[in-house]
Structure formats: C-alpha cells, structure tokens
C-alpha cells in the first residue's frame, strides 16, 4: 500500500549516450528539412564555402620551408637588454 499514489524512480533502459547520438533516419530527416528550408542551390553554395574554408585553414597551418627559413631563432637574437 505504500506504493499507491507514488511513482517509482526507474531509470530508462536506454543509455545516456544513445539519447544524444543520431541514427541514419534522423540524419535523413534533418537533410530533407534543410533541403526544404534552404533549397538545393543555397545548400550547394554552403558546402562549397565550407570546403574552401577548411582547405584554406589547412593551407595556413601547414608548415612551409620558407616559414622556417624566415623565422629567426632565439639564439640569433643577440643579447637581451
């Protein structure tokens, strides 16, 4: 009788990480909604711009031989005042 009118605190059988992960059908639904909202041309331009940004970022962080030769090392700086 003690349990009458009181809900038991049960944990969900699903794990917490599965609540935040998206499966295949969820990605399909998100893609269809994005296509309907923005249209194919705008999504293509977005993808092109994102690809160019990533490529530019990779090119900037890649060390080049001219950067290493142009940077003076701390040993060549001379005496510090």
N, C-alpha and C. Protein backbone atom coordinates (compact mmCIF):
# COMPACT_ATOMS: atom_id res chain seq x y z
N UNK A 1 0.80 -1.20 0.00
CA UNK A 1 0.00 0.00 0.00
C UNK A 1 0.85 1.26 0.00
N UNK A 2 2.08 1.13 0.39
CA UNK A 2 2.96 2.31 0.47
C UNK A 2 3.25 2.87 -0.91
N UNK A 3 3.15 2.05 -1.95
CA UNK A 3 3.48 2.50 -3.30
C UNK A 3 2.30 3.17 -3.99
N UNK A 4 1.13 3.16 -3.40
CA UNK A 4 -0.04 3.77 -4.02
C UNK A 4 0.12 5.28 -4.09
N UNK A 5 -0.16 5.84 -5.26
CA UNK A 5 -0.10 7.28 -5.43
C UNK A 5 1.32 7.81 -5.55
N UNK A 6 2.30 6.96 -5.59
CA UNK A 6 3.69 7.37 -5.66
C UNK A 6 4.34 6.67 -6.85
N UNK A 7 5.05 7.43 -7.65
CA UNK A 7 5.73 6.84 -8.80
C UNK A 7 7.11 6.37 -8.38
N UNK A 8 7.49 5.22 -8.90
CA UNK A 8 8.81 4.71 -8.61
C UNK A 8 9.83 5.39 -9.52
N UNK A 9 11.01 5.59 -9.01
CA UNK A 9 12.07 6.20 -9.79
C UNK A 9 12.80 5.11 -10.56
N UNK A 10 12.40 4.91 -11.79
CA UNK A 10 13.02 3.89 -12.64
C UNK A 10 13.91 4.58 -13.67
N UNK A 11 15.02 3.98 -13.94
CA UNK A 11 15.89 4.52 -14.98
C UNK A 11 15.47 3.95 -16.32
N UNK A 12 15.72 4.72 -17.34
CA UNK A 12 15.38 4.29 -18.68
C UNK A 12 16.31 3.17 -19.11
N UNK A 13 15.80 2.21 -19.87
CA UNK A 13 16.68 1.13 -20.33
C UNK A 13 17.72 1.62 -21.34
N UNK A 14 17.50 2.81 -21.93
CA UNK A 14 18.44 3.35 -22.90
C UNK A 14 19.59 4.03 -22.18
N UNK A 15 20.78 3.93 -22.73
CA UNK A 15 21.92 4.60 -22.15
C UNK A 15 21.88 6.08 -22.48
N UNK A 16 22.56 6.90 -21.70
CA UNK A 16 22.55 8.34 -21.93
C UNK A 16 23.20 8.72 -23.25
N UNK A 17 24.29 8.06 -23.63
CA UNK A 17 24.94 8.43 -24.87
C UNK A 17 24.06 8.12 -26.09
N UNK A 18 23.17 7.18 -26.00
CA UNK A 18 22.30 6.89 -27.13
C UNK A 18 21.21 7.95 -27.28
N UNK A 19 20.95 8.70 -26.26
CA UNK A 19 19.96 9.77 -26.36
C UNK A 19 20.49 10.94 -27.18
N UNK A 20 21.79 11.17 -27.15
CA UNK A 20 22.35 12.30 -27.86
C UNK A 20 22.87 11.95 -29.25
N UNK A 21 23.01 10.68 -29.57
CA UNK A 21 23.52 10.30 -30.89
C UNK A 21 22.36 10.22 -31.88
N UNK A 22 22.67 10.52 -33.13
CA UNK A 22 21.66 10.48 -34.17
C UNK A 22 21.91 9.27 -35.06
N UNK A 23 20.85 8.57 -35.38
CA UNK A 23 20.95 7.42 -36.26
C UNK A 23 20.77 7.82 -37.71
N UNK A 24 20.67 6.84 -38.58
CA UNK A 24 20.56 7.10 -40.02
C UNK A 24 19.30 7.85 -40.41
N UNK A 25 18.17 7.42 -39.87
CA UNK A 25 16.91 8.07 -40.25
C UNK A 25 16.83 9.50 -39.74
N UNK A 26 17.42 9.79 -38.60
CA UNK A 26 17.41 11.15 -38.09
C UNK A 26 18.20 12.08 -39.01
N UNK A 27 19.35 11.58 -39.53
CA UNK A 27 20.14 12.39 -40.47
C UNK A 27 19.37 12.62 -41.77
N UNK A 28 18.64 11.62 -42.22
CA UNK A 28 17.85 11.76 -43.45
C UNK A 28 16.77 12.82 -43.25
N UNK A 29 16.09 12.78 -42.12
CA UNK A 29 15.03 13.77 -41.83
C UNK A 29 15.62 15.17 -41.75
N UNK A 30 16.77 15.32 -41.09
CA UNK A 30 17.42 16.63 -40.98
C UNK A 30 17.81 17.14 -42.37
N UNK A 31 18.33 16.26 -43.23
CA UNK A 31 18.72 16.66 -44.58
C UNK A 31 17.52 17.10 -45.40
N UNK A 32 16.40 16.38 -45.29
CA UNK A 32 15.19 16.74 -46.04
C UNK A 32 14.64 18.08 -45.56
N UNK A 33 14.63 18.30 -44.26
CA UNK A 33 14.14 19.58 -43.72
C UNK A 33 15.04 20.73 -44.18
N UNK A 34 16.36 20.53 -44.14
CA UNK A 34 17.29 21.57 -44.60
C UNK A 34 17.10 21.85 -46.08
N UNK A 35 16.88 20.81 -46.87
CA UNK A 35 16.65 20.99 -48.30
C UNK A 35 15.37 21.77 -48.55
N UNK A 36 14.34 21.49 -47.79
CA UNK A 36 13.08 22.21 -47.95
C UNK A 36 13.20 23.67 -47.50
N UNK A 37 13.94 23.91 -46.43
CA UNK A 37 14.08 25.27 -45.92
C UNK A 37 14.97 26.15 -46.80
N UNK A 38 16.11 25.63 -47.21
CA UNK A 38 17.10 26.45 -47.89
C UNK A 38 17.16 26.25 -49.39
N UNK A 39 16.75 25.12 -49.89
CA UNK A 39 16.83 24.84 -51.31
C UNK A 39 18.18 24.27 -51.70
N UNK A 40 18.21 23.63 -52.83
CA UNK A 40 19.42 22.95 -53.27
C UNK A 40 20.57 23.89 -53.59
N UNK A 41 20.29 25.03 -54.21
CA UNK A 41 21.36 25.94 -54.61
C UNK A 41 22.07 26.54 -53.39
N UNK A 42 21.30 26.93 -52.40
CA UNK A 42 21.91 27.52 -51.20
C UNK A 42 22.71 26.48 -50.43
N UNK A 43 22.23 25.25 -50.37
CA UNK A 43 22.98 24.20 -49.69
C UNK A 43 24.27 23.87 -50.44
N UNK A 44 24.22 23.89 -51.77
CA UNK A 44 25.43 23.64 -52.55
C UNK A 44 26.45 24.75 -52.33
N UNK A 45 26.00 25.99 -52.29
CA UNK A 45 26.91 27.11 -52.03
C UNK A 45 27.48 27.04 -50.62
N UNK A 46 26.68 26.60 -49.68
CA UNK A 46 27.16 26.44 -48.32
C UNK A 46 28.25 25.37 -48.25
N UNK A 47 28.02 24.26 -48.92
CA UNK A 47 29.01 23.19 -48.94
C UNK A 47 30.30 23.63 -49.62
N UNK A 48 30.17 24.37 -50.71
CA UNK A 48 31.35 24.88 -51.42
C UNK A 48 32.14 25.83 -50.54
N UNK A 49 31.44 26.74 -49.86
CA UNK A 49 32.11 27.69 -48.97
C UNK A 49 32.77 27.02 -47.79
N UNK A 50 32.12 26.01 -47.23
CA UNK A 50 32.70 25.28 -46.10
C UNK A 50 33.94 24.53 -46.53
N UNK A 51 33.90 23.93 -47.71
CA UNK A 51 35.07 23.21 -48.22
C UNK A 51 36.24 24.14 -48.47
N UNK A 52 35.98 25.32 -49.03
CA UNK A 52 37.04 26.30 -49.27
C UNK A 52 37.62 26.80 -47.96
N UNK A 53 36.78 26.99 -46.96
CA UNK A 53 37.26 27.46 -45.66
C UNK A 53 38.15 26.42 -45.00
N UNK A 54 37.75 25.17 -45.06
CA UNK A 54 38.56 24.09 -44.47
C UNK A 54 39.88 23.96 -45.22
N UNK A 55 39.84 24.03 -46.55
CA UNK A 55 41.06 23.93 -47.34
C UNK A 55 41.99 25.10 -47.04
N UNK A 56 41.46 26.30 -46.93
CA UNK A 56 42.27 27.46 -46.59
C UNK A 56 42.89 27.35 -45.21
N UNK A 57 42.12 26.84 -44.25
CA UNK A 57 42.64 26.65 -42.90
C UNK A 57 43.79 25.64 -42.90
N UNK A 58 43.63 24.54 -43.62
CA UNK A 58 44.68 23.53 -43.69
C UNK A 58 45.94 24.10 -44.35
N UNK A 59 45.75 24.91 -45.40
CA UNK A 59 46.91 25.51 -46.05
C UNK A 59 47.64 26.48 -45.14
N UNK A 60 46.92 27.18 -44.29
CA UNK A 60 47.55 28.14 -43.39
C UNK A 60 48.30 27.48 -42.25
N UNK A 61 47.83 26.34 -41.77
CA UNK A 61 48.51 25.70 -40.64
C UNK A 61 49.62 24.76 -41.09
N UNK A 62 49.70 24.48 -42.38
CA UNK A 62 50.74 23.59 -42.90
C UNK A 62 52.06 24.35 -42.90
N UNK A 63 53.08 23.80 -42.26
CA UNK A 63 54.38 24.49 -42.26
C UNK A 63 55.03 24.41 -43.64
N UNK A 64 55.64 25.51 -44.03
CA UNK A 64 56.34 25.53 -45.31
C UNK A 64 57.82 25.76 -45.07
N UNK A 65 58.62 25.48 -46.05
CA UNK A 65 60.07 25.65 -45.88
C UNK A 65 60.44 27.13 -45.81
N UNK A 66 59.69 28.02 -46.46
CA UNK A 66 60.01 29.45 -46.41
C UNK A 66 59.71 30.03 -45.04
N UNK A 67 58.69 29.50 -44.34
CA UNK A 67 58.38 29.98 -42.99
C UNK A 67 59.50 29.64 -42.02
N UNK A 68 60.07 28.46 -42.13
CA UNK A 68 61.13 28.04 -41.22
C UNK A 68 62.40 28.83 -41.47
N UNK A 69 62.69 29.19 -42.73
CA UNK A 69 63.90 29.94 -43.04
C UNK A 69 63.74 31.41 -42.68
N UNK A 70 62.55 31.94 -42.73
CA UNK A 70 62.32 33.35 -42.45
C UNK A 70 62.29 33.66 -40.96
N UNK A 71 61.96 32.68 -40.12
CA UNK A 71 61.87 32.90 -38.68
C UNK A 71 63.26 32.84 -38.05
N UNK A 72 63.68 33.90 -37.39
CA UNK A 72 64.95 33.81 -36.68
C UNK A 72 64.76 33.05 -35.37
N UNK A 73 65.74 32.28 -35.01
CA UNK A 73 65.63 31.53 -33.76
C UNK A 73 66.02 32.44 -32.60
N UNK A 74 65.77 32.03 -31.37
CA UNK A 74 66.09 32.82 -30.19
C UNK A 74 67.60 32.96 -29.99
N UNK A 75 68.37 32.02 -30.49
CA UNK A 75 69.83 32.07 -30.34
C UNK A 75 70.43 33.17 -31.19
N UNK A 76 69.81 33.51 -32.29
CA UNK A 76 70.34 34.52 -33.20
C UNK A 76 69.93 35.93 -32.79
N UNK A 77 69.14 36.08 -31.78
CA UNK A 77 68.59 37.37 -31.41
C UNK A 77 69.64 38.28 -30.76
N UNK A 78 70.69 37.76 -30.22
CA UNK A 78 71.72 38.58 -29.60
C UNK A 78 71.42 38.79 -28.13
N UNK A 79 72.20 39.65 -27.45
CA UNK A 79 72.00 39.88 -26.02
C UNK A 79 70.71 40.65 -25.76
N UNK A 80 70.06 40.31 -24.68
CA UNK A 80 68.81 40.98 -24.30
C UNK A 80 69.12 42.08 -23.32
N UNK A 81 68.44 43.19 -23.43
CA UNK A 81 68.66 44.32 -22.54
C UNK A 81 67.87 44.24 -21.28
